[in-house]
């Protein structure tokens, strides 16, 4: 996990009841069947962005990943 967390912290944030309602609304929505992932909580987008950035930085160390962009500009970050 790339973000700081206090030992034993629950994270606070979105209540379990609100999370459940968000999930039910997502499942009931026509577009809900087209998406595997759902961002829940105000801090979720930033956390996902941090994880994806770190993953991308690590993949850039793999020559085969960079060669997948042959003919295109390889990503810098």
PDB file of N, CA and C in Angstrom:
ATOM      1  N   UNK A   1       0.853  -1.160   0.000  1.00  0.00           N
ATOM      2  CA  UNK A   1       0.000   0.000   0.000  1.00  0.00           C
ATOM      3  C   UNK A   1       0.900   1.225   0.000  1.00  0.00           C
ATOM      4  N   UNK A   2       0.759   2.115  -0.982  1.00  0.00           N
ATOM      5  CA  UNK A   2       1.681   3.237  -1.111  1.00  0.00           C
ATOM      6  C   UNK A   2       1.351   4.433  -0.232  1.00  0.00           C
ATOM      7  N   UNK A   3       0.264   4.415   0.483  1.00  0.00           N
ATOM      8  CA  UNK A   3      -0.103   5.550   1.309  1.00  0.00           C
ATOM      9  C   UNK A   3       0.135   5.219   2.775  1.00  0.00           C
ATOM     10  N   UNK A   4       0.331   6.243   3.577  1.00  0.00           N
ATOM     11  CA  UNK A   4       0.624   6.052   4.983  1.00  0.00           C
ATOM     12  C   UNK A   4      -0.618   5.599   5.734  1.00  0.00           C
ATOM     13  N   UNK A   5      -0.400   4.753   6.728  1.00  0.00           N
ATOM     14  CA  UNK A   5      -1.501   4.265   7.540  1.00  0.00           C
ATOM     15  C   UNK A   5      -1.005   4.069   8.959  1.00  0.00           C
ATOM     16  N   UNK A   6      -1.779   4.544   9.911  1.00  0.00           N
ATOM     17  CA  UNK A   6      -1.438   4.352  11.317  1.00  0.00           C
ATOM     18  C   UNK A   6      -1.720   2.910  11.703  1.00  0.00           C
ATOM     19  N   UNK A   7      -0.862   2.299  12.526  1.00  0.00           N
ATOM     20  CA  UNK A   7      -1.128   0.933  12.976  1.00  0.00           C
ATOM     21  C   UNK A   7      -2.477   0.851  13.692  1.00  0.00           C
ATOM     22  N   UNK A   8      -3.298  -0.092  13.299  1.00  0.00           N
ATOM     23  CA  UNK A   8      -4.598  -0.284  13.921  1.00  0.00           C
ATOM     24  C   UNK A   8      -5.677   0.677  13.456  1.00  0.00           C
ATOM     25  N   UNK A   9      -5.348   1.571  12.527  1.00  0.00           N
ATOM     26  CA  UNK A   9      -6.328   2.551  12.058  1.00  0.00           C
ATOM     27  C   UNK A   9      -7.366   1.870  11.176  1.00  0.00           C
ATOM     28  N   UNK A  10      -8.587   2.328  11.282  1.00  0.00           N
ATOM     29  CA  UNK A  10      -9.663   1.787  10.447  1.00  0.00           C
ATOM     30  C   UNK A  10      -9.797   2.556   9.151  1.00  0.00           C
ATOM     31  N   UNK A  11      -9.183   3.718   9.077  1.00  0.00           N
ATOM     32  CA  UNK A  11      -9.258   4.520   7.868  1.00  0.00           C
ATOM     33  C   UNK A  11     -10.388   5.526   7.890  1.00  0.00           C
ATOM     34  N   UNK A  12     -11.390   5.272   8.739  1.00  0.00           N
ATOM     35  CA  UNK A  12     -12.511   6.211   8.788  1.00  0.00           C
ATOM     36  C   UNK A  12     -13.161   6.318   7.432  1.00  0.00           C
ATOM     37  N   UNK A  13     -13.478   7.515   7.028  1.00  0.00           N
ATOM     38  CA  UNK A  13     -14.004   7.741   5.690  1.00  0.00           C
ATOM     39  C   UNK A  13     -15.434   7.271   5.516  1.00  0.00           C
ATOM     40  N   UNK A  14     -15.706   6.668   4.390  1.00  0.00           N
ATOM     41  CA  UNK A  14     -17.049   6.270   4.006  1.00  0.00           C
ATOM     42  C   UNK A  14     -17.564   5.159   4.911  1.00  0.00           C
ATOM     43  N   UNK A  15     -18.774   5.336   5.400  1.00  0.00           N
ATOM     44  CA  UNK A  15     -19.355   4.354   6.324  1.00  0.00           C
ATOM     45  C   UNK A  15     -19.705   3.068   5.582  1.00  0.00           C
ATOM     46  N   UNK A  16     -19.722   1.938   6.280  1.00  0.00           N
ATOM     47  CA  UNK A  16     -20.109   0.673   5.647  1.00  0.00           C
ATOM     48  C   UNK A  16     -21.497   0.733   5.012  1.00  0.00           C
ATOM     49  N   UNK A  17     -22.419   1.457   5.635  1.00  0.00           N
ATOM     50  CA  UNK A  17     -23.765   1.592   5.068  1.00  0.00           C
ATOM     51  C   UNK A  17     -23.719   2.326   3.736  1.00  0.00           C
ATOM     52  N   UNK A  18     -22.933   3.407   3.670  1.00  0.00           N
ATOM     53  CA  UNK A  18     -22.803   4.153   2.416  1.00  0.00           C
ATOM     54  C   UNK A  18     -22.116   3.316   1.343  1.00  0.00           C
ATOM     55  N   UNK A  19     -21.108   2.557   1.729  1.00  0.00           N
ATOM     56  CA  UNK A  19     -20.413   1.688   0.776  1.00  0.00           C
ATOM     57  C   UNK A  19     -21.381   0.663   0.207  1.00  0.00           C
ATOM     58  N   UNK A  20     -22.182   0.055   1.081  1.00  0.00           N
ATOM     59  CA  UNK A  20     -23.162  -0.939   0.624  1.00  0.00           C
ATOM     60  C   UNK A  20     -24.130  -0.313  -0.373  1.00  0.00           C
ATOM     61  N   UNK A  21     -24.594   0.909  -0.088  1.00  0.00           N
ATOM     62  CA  UNK A  21     -25.536   1.562  -1.001  1.00  0.00           C
ATOM     63  C   UNK A  21     -24.879   1.887  -2.337  1.00  0.00           C
ATOM     64  N   UNK A  22     -23.628   2.328  -2.296  1.00  0.00           N
ATOM     65  CA  UNK A  22     -22.892   2.618  -3.529  1.00  0.00           C
ATOM     66  C   UNK A  22     -22.771   1.348  -4.376  1.00  0.00           C
ATOM     67  N   UNK A  23     -22.453   0.239  -3.730  1.00  0.00           N
ATOM     68  CA  UNK A  23     -22.337  -1.038  -4.449  1.00  0.00           C
ATOM     69  C   UNK A  23     -23.671  -1.467  -5.055  1.00  0.00           C
ATOM     70  N   UNK A  24     -24.744  -1.374  -4.275  1.00  0.00           N
ATOM     71  CA  UNK A  24     -26.063  -1.749  -4.790  1.00  0.00           C
ATOM     72  C   UNK A  24     -26.477  -0.857  -5.954  1.00  0.00           C
ATOM     73  N   UNK A  25     -26.237   0.440  -5.847  1.00  0.00           N
ATOM     74  CA  UNK A  25     -26.556   1.357  -6.944  1.00  0.00           C
ATOM     75  C   UNK A  25     -25.757   1.005  -8.192  1.00  0.00           C
ATOM     76  N   UNK A  26     -24.508   0.652  -8.004  1.00  0.00           N
ATOM     77  CA  UNK A  26     -23.642   0.285  -9.134  1.00  0.00           C
ATOM     78  C   UNK A  26     -24.150  -0.983  -9.815  1.00  0.00           C
ATOM     79  N   UNK A  27     -24.515  -1.971  -9.007  1.00  0.00           N
ATOM     80  CA  UNK A  27     -25.002  -3.239  -9.561  1.00  0.00           C
ATOM     81  C   UNK A  27     -26.309  -3.037 -10.312  1.00  0.00           C
ATOM     82  N   UNK A  28     -27.182  -2.186  -9.779  1.00  0.00           N
ATOM     83  CA  UNK A  28     -28.481  -1.942 -10.406  1.00  0.00           C
ATOM     84  C   UNK A  28     -28.392  -1.068 -11.651  1.00  0.00           C
ATOM     85  N   UNK A  29     -27.328  -0.301 -11.790  1.00  0.00           N
ATOM     86  CA  UNK A  29     -27.190   0.594 -12.941  1.00  0.00           C
ATOM     87  C   UNK A  29     -26.877  -0.214 -14.198  1.00  0.00           C
ATOM     88  N   UNK A  30     -27.436   0.184 -15.340  1.00  0.00           N
ATOM     89  CA  UNK A  30     -27.135  -0.539 -16.591  1.00  0.00           C
ATOM     90  C   UNK A  30     -25.638  -0.626 -16.877  1.00  0.00           C
ATOM     91  N   UNK A  31     -24.888   0.432 -16.557  1.00  0.00           N
ATOM     92  CA  UNK A  31     -23.447   0.418 -16.831  1.00  0.00           C
ATOM     93  C   UNK A  31     -22.681  -0.416 -15.805  1.00  0.00           C
ATOM     94  N   UNK A  32     -23.320  -0.797 -14.715  1.00  0.00           N
ATOM     95  CA  UNK A  32     -22.657  -1.586 -13.679  1.00  0.00           C
ATOM     96  C   UNK A  32     -22.176  -2.932 -14.161  1.00  0.00           C
ATOM     97  N   UNK A  33     -22.820  -3.455 -15.151  1.00  0.00           N
ATOM     98  CA  UNK A  33     -22.427  -4.771 -15.673  1.00  0.00           C
ATOM     99  C   UNK A  33     -21.221  -4.686 -16.606  1.00  0.00           C
ATOM    100  N   UNK A  34     -20.883  -3.478 -16.999  1.00  0.00           N
ATOM    101  CA  UNK A  34     -19.771  -3.277 -17.930  1.00  0.00           C
ATOM    102  C   UNK A  34     -18.465  -2.931 -17.235  1.00  0.00           C
ATOM    103  N   UNK A  35     -18.516  -2.725 -15.926  1.00  0.00           N
ATOM    104  CA  UNK A  35     -17.315  -2.298 -15.191  1.00  0.00           C
ATOM    105  C   UNK A  35     -16.975  -3.308 -14.120  1.00  0.00           C
ATOM    106  N   UNK A  36     -15.720  -3.680 -14.064  1.00  0.00           N
ATOM    107  CA  UNK A  36     -15.243  -4.592 -13.035  1.00  0.00           C
ATOM    108  C   UNK A  36     -14.868  -3.841 -11.771  1.00  0.00           C
ATOM    109  N   UNK A  37     -14.338  -2.641 -11.913  1.00  0.00           N
ATOM    110  CA  UNK A  37     -13.824  -1.899 -10.761  1.00  0.00           C
ATOM    111  C   UNK A  37     -14.692  -0.684 -10.461  1.00  0.00           C
ATOM    112  N   UNK A  38     -14.766  -0.361  -9.170  1.00  0.00           N
ATOM    113  CA  UNK A  38     -15.557   0.771  -8.711  1.00  0.00           C
ATOM    114  C   UNK A  38     -14.766   1.497  -7.644  1.00  0.00           C
ATOM    115  N   UNK A  39     -14.624   2.799  -7.785  1.00  0.00           N
ATOM    116  CA  UNK A  39     -13.924   3.601  -6.786  1.00  0.00           C
ATOM    117  C   UNK A  39     -14.921   4.052  -5.726  1.00  0.00           C
ATOM    118  N   UNK A  40     -14.665   3.679  -4.486  1.00  0.00           N
ATOM    119  CA  UNK A  40     -15.559   4.018  -3.381  1.00  0.00           C
ATOM    120  C   UNK A  40     -14.769   4.803  -2.349  1.00  0.00           C
ATOM    121  N   UNK A  41     -15.258   5.967  -1.978  1.00  0.00           N
ATOM    122  CA  UNK A  41     -14.587   6.812  -0.993  1.00  0.00           C
ATOM    123  C   UNK A  41     -13.909   7.983  -1.666  1.00  0.00           C
ATOM    124  N   UNK A  42     -13.834   9.084  -0.931  1.00  0.00           N
ATOM    125  CA  UNK A  42     -13.256  10.303  -1.483  1.00  0.00           C
ATOM    126  C   UNK A  42     -11.784  10.161  -1.832  1.00  0.00           C
ATOM    127  N   UNK A  43     -11.056   9.314  -1.098  1.00  0.00           N
ATOM    128  CA  UNK A  43      -9.620   9.179  -1.332  1.00  0.00           C
ATOM    129  C   UNK A  43      -9.272   8.080  -2.330  1.00  0.00           C
ATOM    130  N   UNK A  44     -10.259   7.315  -2.781  1.00  0.00           N
ATOM    131  CA  UNK A  44      -9.995   6.186  -3.681  1.00  0.00           C
ATOM    132  C   UNK A  44      -9.311   6.586  -4.989  1.00  0.00           C
ATOM    133  N   UNK A  45      -9.754   7.635  -5.683  1.00  0.00           N
ATOM    134  CA  UNK A  45      -9.080   7.978  -6.941  1.00  0.00           C
ATOM    135  C   UNK A  45      -7.589   8.265  -6.761  1.00  0.00           C
ATOM    136  N   UNK A  46      -7.232   8.998  -5.731  1.00  0.00           N
ATOM    137  CA  UNK A  46      -5.821   9.287  -5.478  1.00  0.00           C
ATOM    138  C   UNK A  46      -5.023   8.052  -5.130  1.00  0.00           C
ATOM    139  N   UNK A  47      -5.624   7.154  -4.367  1.00  0.00           N
ATOM    140  CA  UNK A  47      -4.933   5.918  -3.996  1.00  0.00           C
ATOM    141  C   UNK A  47      -4.705   5.042  -5.219  1.00  0.00           C
ATOM    142  N   UNK A  48      -5.712   4.927  -6.060  1.00  0.00           N
ATOM    143  CA  UNK A  48      -5.565   4.128  -7.281  1.00  0.00           C
ATOM    144  C   UNK A  48      -4.509   4.744  -8.192  1.00  0.00           C
ATOM    145  N   UNK A  49      -4.515   6.066  -8.319  1.00  0.00           N
ATOM    146  CA  UNK A  49      -3.513   6.734  -9.155  1.00  0.00           C
ATOM    147  C   UNK A  49      -2.110   6.456  -8.636  1.00  0.00           C
ATOM    148  N   UNK A  50      -1.922   6.479  -7.309  1.00  0.00           N
ATOM    149  CA  UNK A  50      -0.602   6.206  -6.727  1.00  0.00           C
ATOM    150  C   UNK A  50      -0.166   4.776  -7.007  1.00  0.00           C
ATOM    151  N   UNK A  51      -1.077   3.835  -6.870  1.00  0.00           N
ATOM    152  CA  UNK A  51      -0.759   2.421  -7.126  1.00  0.00           C
ATOM    153  C   UNK A  51      -0.397   2.219  -8.593  1.00  0.00           C
ATOM    154  N   UNK A  52      -1.197   2.775  -9.490  1.00  0.00           N
ATOM    155  CA  UNK A  52      -0.926   2.601 -10.920  1.00  0.00           C
ATOM    156  C   UNK A  52       0.388   3.261 -11.322  1.00  0.00           C
ATOM    157  N   UNK A  53       0.687   4.416 -10.736  1.00  0.00           N
ATOM    158  CA  UNK A  53       1.953   5.085 -11.038  1.00  0.00           C
ATOM    159  C   UNK A  53       3.132   4.206 -10.621  1.00  0.00           C
ATOM    160  N   UNK A  54       3.076   3.680  -9.413  1.00  0.00           N
ATOM    161  CA  UNK A  54       4.171   2.808  -8.948  1.00  0.00           C
ATOM    162  C   UNK A  54       4.283   1.551  -9.798  1.00  0.00           C
ATOM    163  N   UNK A  55       3.160   0.975 -10.162  1.00  0.00           N
ATOM    164  CA  UNK A  55       3.187  -0.234 -10.999  1.00  0.00           C
ATOM    165  C   UNK A  55       3.809   0.079 -12.349  1.00  0.00           C
ATOM    166  N   UNK A  56       3.422   1.210 -12.930  1.00  0.00           N
ATOM    167  CA  UNK A  56       3.963   1.586 -14.225  1.00  0.00           C
ATOM    168  C   UNK A  56       5.469   1.822 -14.150  1.00  0.00           C
ATOM    169  N   UNK A  57       5.917   2.486 -13.080  1.00  0.00           N
ATOM    170  CA  UNK A  57       7.349   2.710 -12.907  1.00  0.00           C
ATOM    171  C   UNK A  57       8.099   1.380 -12.832  1.00  0.00           C
ATOM    172  N   UNK A  58       7.529   0.415 -12.158  1.00  0.00           N
ATOM    173  CA  UNK A  58       8.175  -0.896 -12.052  1.00  0.00           C
ATOM    174  C   UNK A  58       8.176  -1.618 -13.405  1.00  0.00           C
ATOM    175  N   UNK A  59       7.060  -1.568 -14.131  1.00  0.00           N
ATOM    176  CA  UNK A  59       7.001  -2.214 -15.446  1.00  0.00           C
ATOM    177  C   UNK A  59       8.003  -1.601 -16.409  1.00  0.00           C
ATOM    178  N   UNK A  60       8.288  -0.318 -16.264  1.00  0.00           N
ATOM    179  CA  UNK A  60       9.245   0.332 -17.168  1.00  0.00           C
ATOM    180  C   UNK A  60      10.635  -0.281 -17.055  1.00  0.00           C
ATOM    181  N   UNK A  61      10.922  -0.979 -15.971  1.00  0.00           N
ATOM    182  CA  UNK A  61      12.217  -1.642 -15.809  1.00  0.00           C
ATOM    183  C   UNK A  61      12.305  -2.916 -16.648  1.00  0.00           C
ATOM    184  N   UNK A  62      11.196  -3.358 -17.177  1.00  0.00           N
ATOM    185  CA  UNK A  62      11.139  -4.578 -17.985  1.00  0.00           C
ATOM    186  C   UNK A  62      11.228  -4.217 -19.471  1.00  0.00           C
ATOM    187  N   UNK A  63      12.312  -4.610 -20.151  1.00  0.00           N
ATOM    188  CA  UNK A  63      12.469  -4.253 -21.566  1.00  0.00           C
ATOM    189  C   UNK A  63      11.292  -4.695 -22.438  1.00  0.00           C
ATOM    190  N   UNK A  64      10.705  -5.833 -22.127  1.00  0.00           N
ATOM    191  CA  UNK A  64       9.585  -6.309 -22.949  1.00  0.00           C
ATOM    192  C   UNK A  64       8.380  -5.382 -22.851  1.00  0.00           C
ATOM    193  N   UNK A  65       8.193  -4.748 -21.706  1.00  0.00           N
ATOM    194  CA  UNK A  65       7.094  -3.799 -21.559  1.00  0.00           C
ATOM    195  C   UNK A  65       7.322  -2.613 -22.488  1.00  0.00           C
ATOM    196  N   UNK A  66       8.532  -2.081 -22.476  1.00  0.00           N
ATOM    197  CA  UNK A  66       8.845  -0.935 -23.321  1.00  0.00           C
ATOM    198  C   UNK A  66       8.759  -1.280 -24.800  1.00  0.00           C
ATOM    199  N   UNK A  67       9.148  -2.493 -25.163  1.00  0.00           N
ATOM    200  CA  UNK A  67       9.087  -2.870 -26.573  1.00  0.00           C
ATOM    201  C   UNK A  67       7.649  -3.072 -27.041  1.00  0.00           C
ATOM    202  N   UNK A  68       6.711  -3.221 -26.127  1.00  0.00           N
ATOM    203  CA  UNK A  68       5.303  -3.344 -26.509  1.00  0.00           C
ATOM    204  C   UNK A  68       4.798  -2.061 -27.156  1.00  0.00           C
ATOM    205  N   UNK A  69       5.527  -0.968 -26.949  1.00  0.00           N
ATOM    206  CA  UNK A  69       5.135   0.317 -27.507  1.00  0.00           C
ATOM    207  C   UNK A  69       5.931   0.645 -28.765  1.00  0.00           C
ATOM    208  N   UNK A  70       6.575  -0.369 -29.351  1.00  0.00           N
ATOM    209  CA  UNK A  70       7.365  -0.170 -30.558  1.00  0.00           C
ATOM    210  C   UNK A  70       6.478   0.458 -31.638  1.00  0.00           C
ATOM    211  N   UNK A  71       6.964   1.482 -32.254  1.00  0.00           N
ATOM    212  CA  UNK A  71       6.181   2.195 -33.251  1.00  0.00           C
ATOM    213  C   UNK A  71       5.337   3.302 -32.637  1.00  0.00           C
ATOM    214  N   UNK A  72       5.204   3.259 -31.329  1.00  0.00           N
ATOM    215  CA  UNK A  72       4.514   4.322 -30.605  1.00  0.00           C
ATOM    216  C   UNK A  72       5.527   4.930 -29.653  1.00  0.00           C
ATOM    217  N   UNK A  73       5.212   6.041 -29.123  1.00  0.00           N
ATOM    218  CA  UNK A  73       6.075   6.650 -28.113  1.00  0.00           C
ATOM    219  C   UNK A  73       5.881   5.898 -26.807  1.00  0.00           C
ATOM    220  N   UNK A  74       6.955   5.344 -26.252  1.00  0.00           N
ATOM    221  CA  UNK A  74       6.884   4.635 -24.993  1.00  0.00           C
ATOM    222  C   UNK A  74       6.524   5.612 -23.875  1.00  0.00           C
ATOM    223  N   UNK A  75       5.708   5.191 -22.927  1.00  0.00           N
ATOM    224  CA  UNK A  75       5.307   6.098 -21.858  1.00  0.00           C
ATOM    225  C   UNK A  75       6.487   6.488 -20.973  1.00  0.00           C
ATOM    226  N   UNK A  76       6.480   7.718 -20.520  1.00  0.00           N
ATOM    227  CA  UNK A  76       7.557   8.209 -19.642  1.00  0.00           C
ATOM    228  C   UNK A  76       7.236   7.982 -18.190  1.00  0.00           C
ATOM    229  N   UNK A  77       5.973   7.983 -17.801  1.00  0.00           N
ATOM    230  CA  UNK A  77       5.608   7.740 -16.404  1.00  0.00           C
ATOM    231  C   UNK A  77       4.408   6.847 -16.384  1.00  0.00           C
TER     232      UNK A  77
END
